[in-house]
């Protein structure tokens, strides 16, 4: 995975990013070339055709995926959509208070789905 992903930007903590990069179930995993090819060529549903509500939880200090990339995509979603910023965390949101924000967001989405 290290060949195709900027694992050094996984978190704001360099030691954690190194740990993730070496983890055999994470960044240290070997991925078959066929999987990568299928991932790169898979035709996703365009956001303009999405009908499922979207809650996008974006880490506020994500050095891997710029906020503009996420917001540009989210603006194109046809369904109801919201952006929630996860405070003070990187791409792999394990830093507080961001991980607590993520838990709260997931709980709110689950509650909304359960009410339906």
PDB file of N, CA and C in Angstrom:
ATOM      1  N   UNK A   1       0.818  -1.196   0.000  1.00  0.00           N
ATOM      2  CA  UNK A   1       0.000   0.000   0.000  1.00  0.00           C
ATOM      3  C   UNK A   1       0.861   1.259   0.000  1.00  0.00           C
ATOM      4  N   UNK A   2       2.039   1.169   0.573  1.00  0.00           N
ATOM      5  CA  UNK A   2       2.903   2.347   0.651  1.00  0.00           C
ATOM      6  C   UNK A   2       3.268   2.875  -0.740  1.00  0.00           C
ATOM      7  N   UNK A   3       3.190   2.036  -1.757  1.00  0.00           N
ATOM      8  CA  UNK A   3       3.517   2.485  -3.115  1.00  0.00           C
ATOM      9  C   UNK A   3       2.414   3.354  -3.712  1.00  0.00           C
ATOM     10  N   UNK A   4       1.180   3.203  -3.216  1.00  0.00           N
ATOM     11  CA  UNK A   4       0.059   3.928  -3.824  1.00  0.00           C
ATOM     12  C   UNK A   4      -0.585   4.952  -2.896  1.00  0.00           C
ATOM     13  N   UNK A   5      -0.136   5.031  -1.654  1.00  0.00           N
ATOM     14  CA  UNK A   5      -0.753   5.953  -0.695  1.00  0.00           C
ATOM     15  C   UNK A   5       0.321   6.690   0.094  1.00  0.00           C
ATOM     16  N   UNK A   6       0.050   7.934   0.406  1.00  0.00           N
ATOM     17  CA  UNK A   6       0.976   8.771   1.181  1.00  0.00           C
ATOM     18  C   UNK A   6       0.792   8.468   2.668  1.00  0.00           C
ATOM     19  N   UNK A   7       1.284   7.314   3.089  1.00  0.00           N
ATOM     20  CA  UNK A   7       1.037   6.853   4.455  1.00  0.00           C
ATOM     21  C   UNK A   7       1.675   7.745   5.511  1.00  0.00           C
ATOM     22  N   UNK A   8       2.658   8.513   5.163  1.00  0.00           N
ATOM     23  CA  UNK A   8       3.267   9.444   6.105  1.00  0.00           C
ATOM     24  C   UNK A   8       2.320  10.567   6.509  1.00  0.00           C
ATOM     25  N   UNK A   9       1.237  10.723   5.756  1.00  0.00           N
ATOM     26  CA  UNK A   9       0.246  11.761   6.061  1.00  0.00           C
ATOM     27  C   UNK A   9      -1.010  11.174   6.708  1.00  0.00           C
ATOM     28  N   UNK A  10      -0.918   9.958   7.179  1.00  0.00           N
ATOM     29  CA  UNK A  10      -2.075   9.271   7.755  1.00  0.00           C
ATOM     30  C   UNK A  10      -2.615   9.985   8.995  1.00  0.00           C
ATOM     31  N   UNK A  11      -1.726  10.488   9.828  1.00  0.00           N
ATOM     32  CA  UNK A  11      -2.161  11.178  11.047  1.00  0.00           C
ATOM     33  C   UNK A  11      -1.234  12.355  11.305  1.00  0.00           C
ATOM     34  N   UNK A  12      -1.549  13.116  12.323  1.00  0.00           N
ATOM     35  CA  UNK A  12      -0.700  14.245  12.711  1.00  0.00           C
ATOM     36  C   UNK A  12       0.473  13.772  13.552  1.00  0.00           C
ATOM     37  N   UNK A  13       0.451  12.513  13.961  1.00  0.00           N
ATOM     38  CA  UNK A  13       1.492  11.942  14.806  1.00  0.00           C
ATOM     39  C   UNK A  13       2.407  11.079  13.938  1.00  0.00           C
ATOM     40  N   UNK A  14       3.645  11.521  13.686  1.00  0.00           N
ATOM     41  CA  UNK A  14       4.538  10.765  12.801  1.00  0.00           C
ATOM     42  C   UNK A  14       4.759   9.313  13.254  1.00  0.00           C
ATOM     43  N   UNK A  15       4.830   9.079  14.562  1.00  0.00           N
ATOM     44  CA  UNK A  15       5.031   7.705  15.052  1.00  0.00           C
ATOM     45  C   UNK A  15       3.819   6.835  14.719  1.00  0.00           C
ATOM     46  N   UNK A  16       2.613   7.383  14.860  1.00  0.00           N
ATOM     47  CA  UNK A  16       1.408   6.634  14.513  1.00  0.00           C
ATOM     48  C   UNK A  16       1.357   6.367  13.012  1.00  0.00           C
ATOM     49  N   UNK A  17       1.718   7.341  12.214  1.00  0.00           N
ATOM     50  CA  UNK A  17       1.733   7.150  10.757  1.00  0.00           C
ATOM     51  C   UNK A  17       2.709   6.046  10.368  1.00  0.00           C
ATOM     52  N   UNK A  18       3.888   6.017  10.998  1.00  0.00           N
ATOM     53  CA  UNK A  18       4.859   4.946  10.714  1.00  0.00           C
ATOM     54  C   UNK A  18       4.306   3.589  11.120  1.00  0.00           C
ATOM     55  N   UNK A  19       3.643   3.543  12.279  1.00  0.00           N
ATOM     56  CA  UNK A  19       3.043   2.299  12.755  1.00  0.00           C
ATOM     57  C   UNK A  19       1.981   1.808  11.769  1.00  0.00           C
ATOM     58  N   UNK A  20       1.121   2.699  11.314  1.00  0.00           N
ATOM     59  CA  UNK A  20       0.095   2.329  10.329  1.00  0.00           C
ATOM     60  C   UNK A  20       0.728   1.842   9.029  1.00  0.00           C
ATOM     61  N   UNK A  21       1.807   2.486   8.619  1.00  0.00           N
ATOM     62  CA  UNK A  21       2.474   2.114   7.370  1.00  0.00           C
ATOM     63  C   UNK A  21       3.097   0.720   7.444  1.00  0.00           C
ATOM     64  N   UNK A  22       3.504   0.307   8.629  1.00  0.00           N
ATOM     65  CA  UNK A  22       4.130  -1.019   8.795  1.00  0.00           C
ATOM     66  C   UNK A  22       3.132  -2.117   9.139  1.00  0.00           C
ATOM     67  N   UNK A  23       1.951  -1.752   9.576  1.00  0.00           N
ATOM     68  CA  UNK A  23       0.958  -2.724  10.019  1.00  0.00           C
ATOM     69  C   UNK A  23       0.587  -3.662   8.865  1.00  0.00           C
ATOM     70  N   UNK A  24       0.763  -4.986   9.045  1.00  0.00           N
ATOM     71  CA  UNK A  24       0.459  -5.918   7.955  1.00  0.00           C
ATOM     72  C   UNK A  24      -1.030  -5.959   7.588  1.00  0.00           C
ATOM     73  N   UNK A  25      -1.894  -5.434   8.445  1.00  0.00           N
ATOM     74  CA  UNK A  25      -3.325  -5.366   8.118  1.00  0.00           C
ATOM     75  C   UNK A  25      -3.721  -3.975   7.639  1.00  0.00           C
ATOM     76  N   UNK A  26      -2.771  -3.101   7.533  1.00  0.00           N
ATOM     77  CA  UNK A  26      -3.021  -1.723   7.105  1.00  0.00           C
ATOM     78  C   UNK A  26      -2.097  -1.362   5.961  1.00  0.00           C
ATOM     79  N   UNK A  27      -1.295  -0.314   6.187  1.00  0.00           N
ATOM     80  CA  UNK A  27      -0.401   0.183   5.145  1.00  0.00           C
ATOM     81  C   UNK A  27       0.689  -0.773   4.735  1.00  0.00           C
ATOM     82  N   UNK A  28       1.023  -1.732   5.608  1.00  0.00           N
ATOM     83  CA  UNK A  28       2.049  -2.711   5.276  1.00  0.00           C
ATOM     84  C   UNK A  28       1.519  -3.905   4.512  1.00  0.00           C
ATOM     85  N   UNK A  29       0.224  -3.891   4.220  1.00  0.00           N
ATOM     86  CA  UNK A  29      -0.393  -5.022   3.522  1.00  0.00           C
ATOM     87  C   UNK A  29       0.045  -5.060   2.060  1.00  0.00           C
ATOM     88  N   UNK A  30       0.078  -6.264   1.547  1.00  0.00           N
ATOM     89  CA  UNK A  30       0.300  -6.448   0.109  1.00  0.00           C
ATOM     90  C   UNK A  30      -1.067  -6.547  -0.544  1.00  0.00           C
ATOM     91  N   UNK A  31      -1.230  -5.835  -1.633  1.00  0.00           N
ATOM     92  CA  UNK A  31      -2.509  -5.806  -2.326  1.00  0.00           C
ATOM     93  C   UNK A  31      -2.288  -6.332  -3.739  1.00  0.00           C
ATOM     94  N   UNK A  32      -3.088  -7.307  -4.160  1.00  0.00           N
ATOM     95  CA  UNK A  32      -2.925  -7.823  -5.531  1.00  0.00           C
ATOM     96  C   UNK A  32      -3.094  -6.709  -6.564  1.00  0.00           C
ATOM     97  N   UNK A  33      -2.290  -6.746  -7.577  1.00  0.00           N
ATOM     98  CA  UNK A  33      -2.345  -5.735  -8.627  1.00  0.00           C
ATOM     99  C   UNK A  33      -3.731  -5.691  -9.276  1.00  0.00           C
ATOM    100  N   UNK A  34      -4.391  -6.827  -9.388  1.00  0.00           N
ATOM    101  CA  UNK A  34      -5.736  -6.871  -9.954  1.00  0.00           C
ATOM    102  C   UNK A  34      -6.726  -6.057  -9.132  1.00  0.00           C
ATOM    103  N   UNK A  35      -6.565  -6.103  -7.796  1.00  0.00           N
ATOM    104  CA  UNK A  35      -7.439  -5.302  -6.940  1.00  0.00           C
ATOM    105  C   UNK A  35      -7.224  -3.821  -7.209  1.00  0.00           C
ATOM    106  N   UNK A  36      -5.972  -3.402  -7.276  1.00  0.00           N
ATOM    107  CA  UNK A  36      -5.691  -1.982  -7.538  1.00  0.00           C
ATOM    108  C   UNK A  36      -6.239  -1.566  -8.897  1.00  0.00           C
ATOM    109  N   UNK A  37      -6.093  -2.430  -9.892  1.00  0.00           N
ATOM    110  CA  UNK A  37      -6.611  -2.115 -11.226  1.00  0.00           C
ATOM    111  C   UNK A  37      -8.127  -1.975 -11.185  1.00  0.00           C
ATOM    112  N   UNK A  38      -8.804  -2.891 -10.481  1.00  0.00           N
ATOM    113  CA  UNK A  38     -10.267  -2.812 -10.415  1.00  0.00           C
ATOM    114  C   UNK A  38     -10.701  -1.573  -9.628  1.00  0.00           C
ATOM    115  N   UNK A  39      -9.962  -1.216  -8.613  1.00  0.00           N
ATOM    116  CA  UNK A  39     -10.267  -0.023  -7.821  1.00  0.00           C
ATOM    117  C   UNK A  39     -10.166   1.236  -8.682  1.00  0.00           C
ATOM    118  N   UNK A  40      -9.144   1.284  -9.512  1.00  0.00           N
ATOM    119  CA  UNK A  40      -8.922   2.468 -10.338  1.00  0.00           C
ATOM    120  C   UNK A  40      -9.889   2.569 -11.513  1.00  0.00           C
ATOM    121  N   UNK A  41     -10.462   1.459 -11.936  1.00  0.00           N
ATOM    122  CA  UNK A  41     -11.332   1.478 -13.112  1.00  0.00           C
ATOM    123  C   UNK A  41     -12.817   1.304 -12.773  1.00  0.00           C
ATOM    124  N   UNK A  42     -13.154   1.098 -11.498  1.00  0.00           N
ATOM    125  CA  UNK A  42     -14.542   0.903 -11.091  1.00  0.00           C
ATOM    126  C   UNK A  42     -15.349   2.173 -11.375  1.00  0.00           C
ATOM    127  N   UNK A  43     -16.534   2.010 -11.951  1.00  0.00           N
ATOM    128  CA  UNK A  43     -17.392   3.166 -12.264  1.00  0.00           C
ATOM    129  C   UNK A  43     -18.331   3.434 -11.093  1.00  0.00           C
ATOM    130  N   UNK A  44     -17.991   4.446 -10.311  1.00  0.00           N
ATOM    131  CA  UNK A  44     -18.815   4.826  -9.176  1.00  0.00           C
ATOM    132  C   UNK A  44     -20.047   5.587  -9.650  1.00  0.00           C
ATOM    133  N   UNK A  45     -21.071   5.609  -8.816  1.00  0.00           N
ATOM    134  CA  UNK A  45     -22.258   6.418  -9.112  1.00  0.00           C
ATOM    135  C   UNK A  45     -21.859   7.890  -9.052  1.00  0.00           C
ATOM    136  N   UNK A  46     -22.119   8.648 -10.096  1.00  0.00           N
ATOM    137  CA  UNK A  46     -21.782  10.076 -10.036  1.00  0.00           C
ATOM    138  C   UNK A  46     -22.586  10.758  -8.923  1.00  0.00           C
ATOM    139  N   UNK A  47     -21.998  11.719  -8.234  1.00  0.00           N
ATOM    140  CA  UNK A  47     -22.703  12.381  -7.134  1.00  0.00           C
ATOM    141  C   UNK A  47     -24.027  12.999  -7.563  1.00  0.00           C
ATOM    142  N   UNK A  48     -24.112  13.433  -8.801  1.00  0.00           N
ATOM    143  CA  UNK A  48     -25.346  14.042  -9.293  1.00  0.00           C
ATOM    144  C   UNK A  48     -26.508  13.041  -9.356  1.00  0.00           C
ATOM    145  N   UNK A  49     -26.207  11.759  -9.318  1.00  0.00           N
ATOM    146  CA  UNK A  49     -27.251  10.729  -9.371  1.00  0.00           C
ATOM    147  C   UNK A  49     -27.490  10.073  -8.011  1.00  0.00           C
ATOM    148  N   UNK A  50     -26.795  10.515  -6.993  1.00  0.00           N
ATOM    149  CA  UNK A  50     -26.945   9.918  -5.662  1.00  0.00           C
ATOM    150  C   UNK A  50     -28.263  10.355  -5.032  1.00  0.00           C
ATOM    151  N   UNK A  51     -28.980   9.408  -4.443  1.00  0.00           N
ATOM    152  CA  UNK A  51     -30.263   9.696  -3.798  1.00  0.00           C
ATOM    153  C   UNK A  51     -30.235   9.411  -2.304  1.00  0.00           C
ATOM    154  N   UNK A  52     -29.173   8.830  -1.822  1.00  0.00           N
ATOM    155  CA  UNK A  52     -29.032   8.517  -0.407  1.00  0.00           C
ATOM    156  C   UNK A  52     -28.413   9.721   0.309  1.00  0.00           C
ATOM    157  N   UNK A  53     -29.009  10.166   1.418  1.00  0.00           N
ATOM    158  CA  UNK A  53     -28.416  11.291   2.158  1.00  0.00           C
ATOM    159  C   UNK A  53     -26.961  10.997   2.545  1.00  0.00           C
ATOM    160  N   UNK A  54     -26.153  12.026   2.515  1.00  0.00           N
ATOM    161  CA  UNK A  54     -24.718  11.881   2.775  1.00  0.00           C
ATOM    162  C   UNK A  54     -24.307  12.776   3.942  1.00  0.00           C
ATOM    163  N   UNK A  55     -23.606  12.187   4.893  1.00  0.00           N
ATOM    164  CA  UNK A  55     -22.937  12.952   5.938  1.00  0.00           C
ATOM    165  C   UNK A  55     -21.446  12.698   5.753  1.00  0.00           C
ATOM    166  N   UNK A  56     -20.717  13.729   5.385  1.00  0.00           N
ATOM    167  CA  UNK A  56     -19.287  13.595   5.148  1.00  0.00           C
ATOM    168  C   UNK A  56     -18.546  14.140   6.361  1.00  0.00           C
ATOM    169  N   UNK A  57     -17.846  13.273   7.057  1.00  0.00           N
ATOM    170  CA  UNK A  57     -17.041  13.664   8.220  1.00  0.00           C
ATOM    171  C   UNK A  57     -15.603  13.838   7.734  1.00  0.00           C
ATOM    172  N   UNK A  58     -15.150  15.078   7.711  1.00  0.00           N
ATOM    173  CA  UNK A  58     -13.814  15.372   7.181  1.00  0.00           C
ATOM    174  C   UNK A  58     -12.894  15.846   8.302  1.00  0.00           C
ATOM    175  N   UNK A  59     -11.737  15.199   8.467  1.00  0.00           N
ATOM    176  CA  UNK A  59     -10.787  15.648   9.487  1.00  0.00           C
ATOM    177  C   UNK A  59     -10.291  17.070   9.187  1.00  0.00           C
ATOM    178  N   UNK A  60     -10.354  17.921  10.174  1.00  0.00           N
ATOM    179  CA  UNK A  60     -10.007  19.333   9.999  1.00  0.00           C
ATOM    180  C   UNK A  60      -8.533  19.545   9.654  1.00  0.00           C
ATOM    181  N   UNK A  61      -7.672  18.622  10.062  1.00  0.00           N
ATOM    182  CA  UNK A  61      -6.238  18.798   9.790  1.00  0.00           C
ATOM    183  C   UNK A  61      -5.713  17.668   8.926  1.00  0.00           C
ATOM    184  N   UNK A  62      -6.526  17.260   7.970  1.00  0.00           N
ATOM    185  CA  UNK A  62      -6.192  16.166   7.050  1.00  0.00           C
ATOM    186  C   UNK A  62      -5.136  16.629   6.055  1.00  0.00           C
ATOM    187  N   UNK A  63      -3.954  16.033   6.120  1.00  0.00           N
ATOM    188  CA  UNK A  63      -2.874  16.383   5.194  1.00  0.00           C
ATOM    189  C   UNK A  63      -2.879  15.465   3.975  1.00  0.00           C
ATOM    190  N   UNK A  64      -3.805  14.540   3.924  1.00  0.00           N
ATOM    191  CA  UNK A  64      -3.876  13.572   2.823  1.00  0.00           C
ATOM    192  C   UNK A  64      -4.932  14.000   1.806  1.00  0.00           C
ATOM    193  N   UNK A  65      -6.137  14.305   2.277  1.00  0.00           N
ATOM    194  CA  UNK A  65      -7.223  14.714   1.389  1.00  0.00           C
ATOM    195  C   UNK A  65      -7.592  16.164   1.712  1.00  0.00           C
ATOM    196  N   UNK A  66      -7.275  17.086   0.833  1.00  0.00           N
ATOM    197  CA  UNK A  66      -7.601  18.487   1.087  1.00  0.00           C
ATOM    198  C   UNK A  66      -9.118  18.690   1.217  1.00  0.00           C
ATOM    199  N   UNK A  67      -9.513  19.590   2.095  1.00  0.00           N
ATOM    200  CA  UNK A  67     -10.919  19.885   2.304  1.00  0.00           C
ATOM    201  C   UNK A  67     -11.604  20.263   0.997  1.00  0.00           C
ATOM    202  N   UNK A  68     -10.939  21.006   0.150  1.00  0.00           N
ATOM    203  CA  UNK A  68     -11.537  21.441  -1.119  1.00  0.00           C
ATOM    204  C   UNK A  68     -11.953  20.249  -1.984  1.00  0.00           C
ATOM    205  N   UNK A  69     -11.206  19.164  -1.956  1.00  0.00           N
ATOM    206  CA  UNK A  69     -11.577  17.971  -2.729  1.00  0.00           C
ATOM    207  C   UNK A  69     -12.901  17.415  -2.212  1.00  0.00           C
ATOM    208  N   UNK A  70     -13.037  17.336  -0.905  1.00  0.00           N
ATOM    209  CA  UNK A  70     -14.270  16.813  -0.312  1.00  0.00           C
ATOM    210  C   UNK A  70     -15.452  17.741  -0.558  1.00  0.00           C
ATOM    211  N   UNK A  71     -15.270  19.037  -0.366  1.00  0.00           N
ATOM    212  CA  UNK A  71     -16.390  19.964  -0.526  1.00  0.00           C
ATOM    213  C   UNK A  71     -16.806  20.085  -1.991  1.00  0.00           C
ATOM    214  N   UNK A  72     -15.856  20.009  -2.892  1.00  0.00           N
ATOM    215  CA  UNK A  72     -16.193  20.064  -4.326  1.00  0.00           C
ATOM    216  C   UNK A  72     -17.078  18.877  -4.700  1.00  0.00           C
ATOM    217  N   UNK A  73     -16.744  17.695  -4.192  1.00  0.00           N
ATOM    218  CA  UNK A  73     -17.550  16.503  -4.441  1.00  0.00           C
ATOM    219  C   UNK A  73     -18.913  16.631  -3.752  1.00  0.00           C
ATOM    220  N   UNK A  74     -18.924  17.068  -2.499  1.00  0.00           N
ATOM    221  CA  UNK A  74     -20.163  17.143  -1.724  1.00  0.00           C
ATOM    222  C   UNK A  74     -21.167  18.117  -2.353  1.00  0.00           C
ATOM    223  N   UNK A  75     -20.689  19.207  -2.924  1.00  0.00           N
ATOM    224  CA  UNK A  75     -21.591  20.167  -3.574  1.00  0.00           C
ATOM    225  C   UNK A  75     -22.321  19.555  -4.762  1.00  0.00           C
ATOM    226  N   UNK A  76     -21.777  18.513  -5.344  1.00  0.00           N
ATOM    227  CA  UNK A  76     -22.384  17.871  -6.515  1.00  0.00           C
ATOM    228  C   UNK A  76     -23.425  16.812  -6.141  1.00  0.00           C
ATOM    229  N   UNK A  77     -23.486  16.410  -4.875  1.00  0.00           N
ATOM    230  CA  UNK A  77     -24.397  15.354  -4.447  1.00  0.00           C
ATOM    231  C   UNK A  77     -25.839  15.835  -4.574  1.00  0.00           C
ATOM    232  N   UNK A  78     -26.679  15.028  -5.242  1.00  0.00           N
ATOM    233  CA  UNK A  78     -28.080  15.396  -5.463  1.00  0.00           C
ATOM    234  C   UNK A  78     -28.921  15.218  -4.200  1.00  0.00           C
ATOM    235  N   UNK A  79     -28.552  14.315  -3.342  1.00  0.00           N
ATOM    236  CA  UNK A  79     -29.306  14.026  -2.117  1.00  0.00           C
ATOM    237  C   UNK A  79     -28.976  15.063  -1.043  1.00  0.00           C
ATOM    238  N   UNK A  80     -29.768  15.093   0.037  1.00  0.00           N
ATOM    239  CA  UNK A  80     -29.408  15.957   1.164  1.00  0.00           C
ATOM    240  C   UNK A  80     -27.993  15.599   1.649  1.00  0.00           C
ATOM    241  N   UNK A  81     -27.192  16.615   1.882  1.00  0.00           N
ATOM    242  CA  UNK A  81     -25.794  16.369   2.261  1.00  0.00           C
ATOM    243  C   UNK A  81     -25.360  17.368   3.323  1.00  0.00           C
ATOM    244  N   UNK A  82     -24.494  16.902   4.205  1.00  0.00           N
ATOM    245  CA  UNK A  82     -23.925  17.791   5.219  1.00  0.00           C
ATOM    246  C   UNK A  82     -22.445  17.476   5.391  1.00  0.00           C
ATOM    247  N   UNK A  83     -21.700  18.498   5.747  1.00  0.00           N
ATOM    248  CA  UNK A  83     -20.284  18.359   6.032  1.00  0.00           C
ATOM    249  C   UNK A  83     -20.086  18.578   7.518  1.00  0.00           C
ATOM    250  N   UNK A  84     -19.379  17.662   8.164  1.00  0.00           N
ATOM    251  CA  UNK A  84     -19.040  17.790   9.584  1.00  0.00           C
ATOM    252  C   UNK A  84     -17.525  17.747   9.691  1.00  0.00           C
ATOM    253  N   UNK A  85     -16.970  18.776  10.290  1.00  0.00           N
ATOM    254  CA  UNK A  85     -15.520  18.822  10.472  1.00  0.00           C
ATOM    255  C   UNK A  85     -15.149  18.120  11.777  1.00  0.00           C
ATOM    256  N   UNK A  86     -14.167  17.255  11.697  1.00  0.00           N
ATOM    257  CA  UNK A  86     -13.641  16.558  12.874  1.00  0.00           C
ATOM    258  C   UNK A  86     -12.453  17.369  13.383  1.00  0.00           C
ATOM    259  N   UNK A  87     -12.607  17.953  14.544  1.00  0.00           N
ATOM    260  CA  UNK A  87     -11.610  18.901  15.063  1.00  0.00           C
ATOM    261  C   UNK A  87     -10.256  18.246  15.376  1.00  0.00           C
ATOM    262  N   UNK A  88      -9.212  18.962  14.991  1.00  0.00           N
ATOM    263  CA  UNK A  88      -7.832  18.672  15.394  1.00  0.00           C
ATOM    264  C   UNK A  88      -7.369  17.251  15.132  1.00  0.00           C
ATOM    265  N   UNK A  89      -7.801  16.669  14.008  1.00  0.00           N
ATOM    266  CA  UNK A  89      -7.305  15.319  13.712  1.00  0.00           C
ATOM    267  C   UNK A  89      -6.919  15.217  12.247  1.00  0.00           C
ATOM    268  N   UNK A  90      -6.068  14.228  11.970  1.00  0.00           N
ATOM    269  CA  UNK A  90      -5.608  13.974  10.616  1.00  0.00           C
ATOM    270  C   UNK A  90      -6.491  12.965   9.905  1.00  0.00           C
ATOM    271  N   UNK A  91      -6.022  12.482   8.764  1.00  0.00           N
ATOM    272  CA  UNK A  91      -6.804  11.600   7.894  1.00  0.00           C
ATOM    273  C   UNK A  91      -7.329  10.359   8.620  1.00  0.00           C
ATOM    274  N   UNK A  92      -6.529   9.794   9.476  1.00  0.00           N
ATOM    275  CA  UNK A  92      -6.919   8.642  10.294  1.00  0.00           C
ATOM    276  C   UNK A  92      -7.343   9.227  11.635  1.00  0.00           C
ATOM    277  N   UNK A  93      -8.642   9.500  11.825  1.00  0.00           N
ATOM    278  CA  UNK A  93      -9.075  10.330  12.961  1.00  0.00           C
ATOM    279  C   UNK A  93      -9.030   9.607  14.306  1.00  0.00           C
ATOM    280  N   UNK A  94      -7.845   9.581  14.896  1.00  0.00           N
ATOM    281  CA  UNK A  94      -7.691   8.970  16.221  1.00  0.00           C
ATOM    282  C   UNK A  94      -7.364  10.008  17.288  1.00  0.00           C
ATOM    283  N   UNK A  95      -7.065  11.233  16.864  1.00  0.00           N
ATOM    284  CA  UNK A  95      -6.735  12.272  17.828  1.00  0.00           C
ATOM    285  C   UNK A  95      -8.019  12.894  18.376  1.00  0.00           C
ATOM    286  N   UNK A  96      -8.000  13.214  19.653  1.00  0.00           N
ATOM    287  CA  UNK A  96      -9.119  13.950  20.256  1.00  0.00           C
ATOM    288  C   UNK A  96      -8.918  15.435  19.973  1.00  0.00           C
ATOM    289  N   UNK A  97      -9.964  16.187  19.818  1.00  0.00           N
ATOM    290  CA  UNK A  97     -11.358  15.813  19.998  1.00  0.00           C
ATOM    291  C   UNK A  97     -12.014  15.227  18.749  1.00  0.00           C
ATOM    292  N   UNK A  98     -11.253  15.077  17.653  1.00  0.00           N
ATOM    293  CA  UNK A  98     -11.824  14.597  16.397  1.00  0.00           C
ATOM    294  C   UNK A  98     -12.454  13.224  16.461  1.00  0.00           C
ATOM    295  N   UNK A  99     -11.818  12.302  17.169  1.00  0.00           N
ATOM    296  CA  UNK A  99     -12.401  10.955  17.243  1.00  0.00           C
ATOM    297  C   UNK A  99     -13.727  10.997  18.004  1.00  0.00           C
ATOM    298  N   UNK A 100     -13.830  11.835  19.009  1.00  0.00           N
ATOM    299  CA  UNK A 100     -15.100  12.014  19.715  1.00  0.00           C
ATOM    300  C   UNK A 100     -16.150  12.637  18.803  1.00  0.00           C
ATOM    301  N   UNK A 101     -15.715  13.593  17.961  1.00  0.00           N
ATOM    302  CA  UNK A 101     -16.635  14.178  16.981  1.00  0.00           C
ATOM    303  C   UNK A 101     -17.157  13.096  16.037  1.00  0.00           C
ATOM    304  N   UNK A 102     -16.263  12.212  15.593  1.00  0.00           N
ATOM    305  CA  UNK A 102     -16.657  11.140  14.679  1.00  0.00           C
ATOM    306  C   UNK A 102     -17.685  10.211  15.324  1.00  0.00           C
ATOM    307  N   UNK A 103     -17.455   9.841  16.572  1.00  0.00           N
ATOM    308  CA  UNK A 103     -18.410   8.988  17.287  1.00  0.00           C
ATOM    309  C   UNK A 103     -19.771   9.684  17.374  1.00  0.00           C
ATOM    310  N   UNK A 104     -19.758  10.972  17.682  1.00  0.00           N
ATOM    311  CA  UNK A 104     -21.007  11.728  17.754  1.00  0.00           C
ATOM    312  C   UNK A 104     -21.738  11.786  16.420  1.00  0.00           C
ATOM    313  N   UNK A 105     -21.003  11.990  15.337  1.00  0.00           N
ATOM    314  CA  UNK A 105     -21.600  12.039  14.001  1.00  0.00           C
ATOM    315  C   UNK A 105     -22.222  10.695  13.648  1.00  0.00           C
ATOM    316  N   UNK A 106     -21.494   9.624  13.892  1.00  0.00           N
ATOM    317  CA  UNK A 106     -22.019   8.284  13.587  1.00  0.00           C
ATOM    318  C   UNK A 106     -23.279   8.020  14.401  1.00  0.00           C
ATOM    319  N   UNK A 107     -23.272   8.383  15.674  1.00  0.00           N
ATOM    320  CA  UNK A 107     -24.458   8.183  16.511  1.00  0.00           C
ATOM    321  C   UNK A 107     -25.659   8.975  15.979  1.00  0.00           C
ATOM    322  N   UNK A 108     -25.441  10.217  15.547  1.00  0.00           N
ATOM    323  CA  UNK A 108     -26.537  11.025  14.990  1.00  0.00           C
ATOM    324  C   UNK A 108     -27.110  10.404  13.719  1.00  0.00           C
ATOM    325  N   UNK A 109     -26.232   9.899  12.849  1.00  0.00           N
ATOM    326  CA  UNK A 109     -26.703   9.263  11.613  1.00  0.00           C
ATOM    327  C   UNK A 109     -27.493   8.008  11.947  1.00  0.00           C
ATOM    328  N   UNK A 110     -26.998   7.206  12.870  1.00  0.00           N
ATOM    329  CA  UNK A 110     -27.717   5.976  13.266  1.00  0.00           C
ATOM    330  C   UNK A 110     -29.084   6.337  13.835  1.00  0.00           C
ATOM    331  N   UNK A 111     -29.164   7.348  14.676  1.00  0.00           N
ATOM    332  CA  UNK A 111     -30.454   7.772  15.241  1.00  0.00           C
ATOM    333  C   UNK A 111     -31.425   8.208  14.141  1.00  0.00           C
ATOM    334  N   UNK A 112     -30.911   8.962  13.154  1.00  0.00           N
ATOM    335  CA  UNK A 112     -31.779   9.384  12.035  1.00  0.00           C
ATOM    336  C   UNK A 112     -32.301   8.198  11.255  1.00  0.00           C
ATOM    337  N   UNK A 113     -31.456   7.230  11.003  1.00  0.00           N
ATOM    338  CA  UNK A 113     -31.854   6.047  10.242  1.00  0.00           C
ATOM    339  C   UNK A 113     -32.849   5.217  11.054  1.00  0.00           C
ATOM    340  N   UNK A 114     -32.605   5.087  12.349  1.00  0.00           N
ATOM    341  CA  UNK A 114     -33.515   4.305  13.206  1.00  0.00           C
ATOM    342  C   UNK A 114     -34.902   4.923  13.286  1.00  0.00           C
ATOM    343  N   UNK A 115     -35.002   6.254  13.180  1.00  0.00           N
ATOM    344  CA  UNK A 115     -36.316   6.924  13.270  1.00  0.00           C
ATOM    345  C   UNK A 115     -37.165   6.679  12.023  1.00  0.00           C
ATOM    346  N   UNK A 116     -36.554   6.280  10.948  1.00  0.00           N
ATOM    347  CA  UNK A 116     -37.291   6.093   9.685  1.00  0.00           C
ATOM    348  C   UNK A 116     -37.965   4.762   9.597  1.00  0.00           C
TER     349      UNK A 116
END
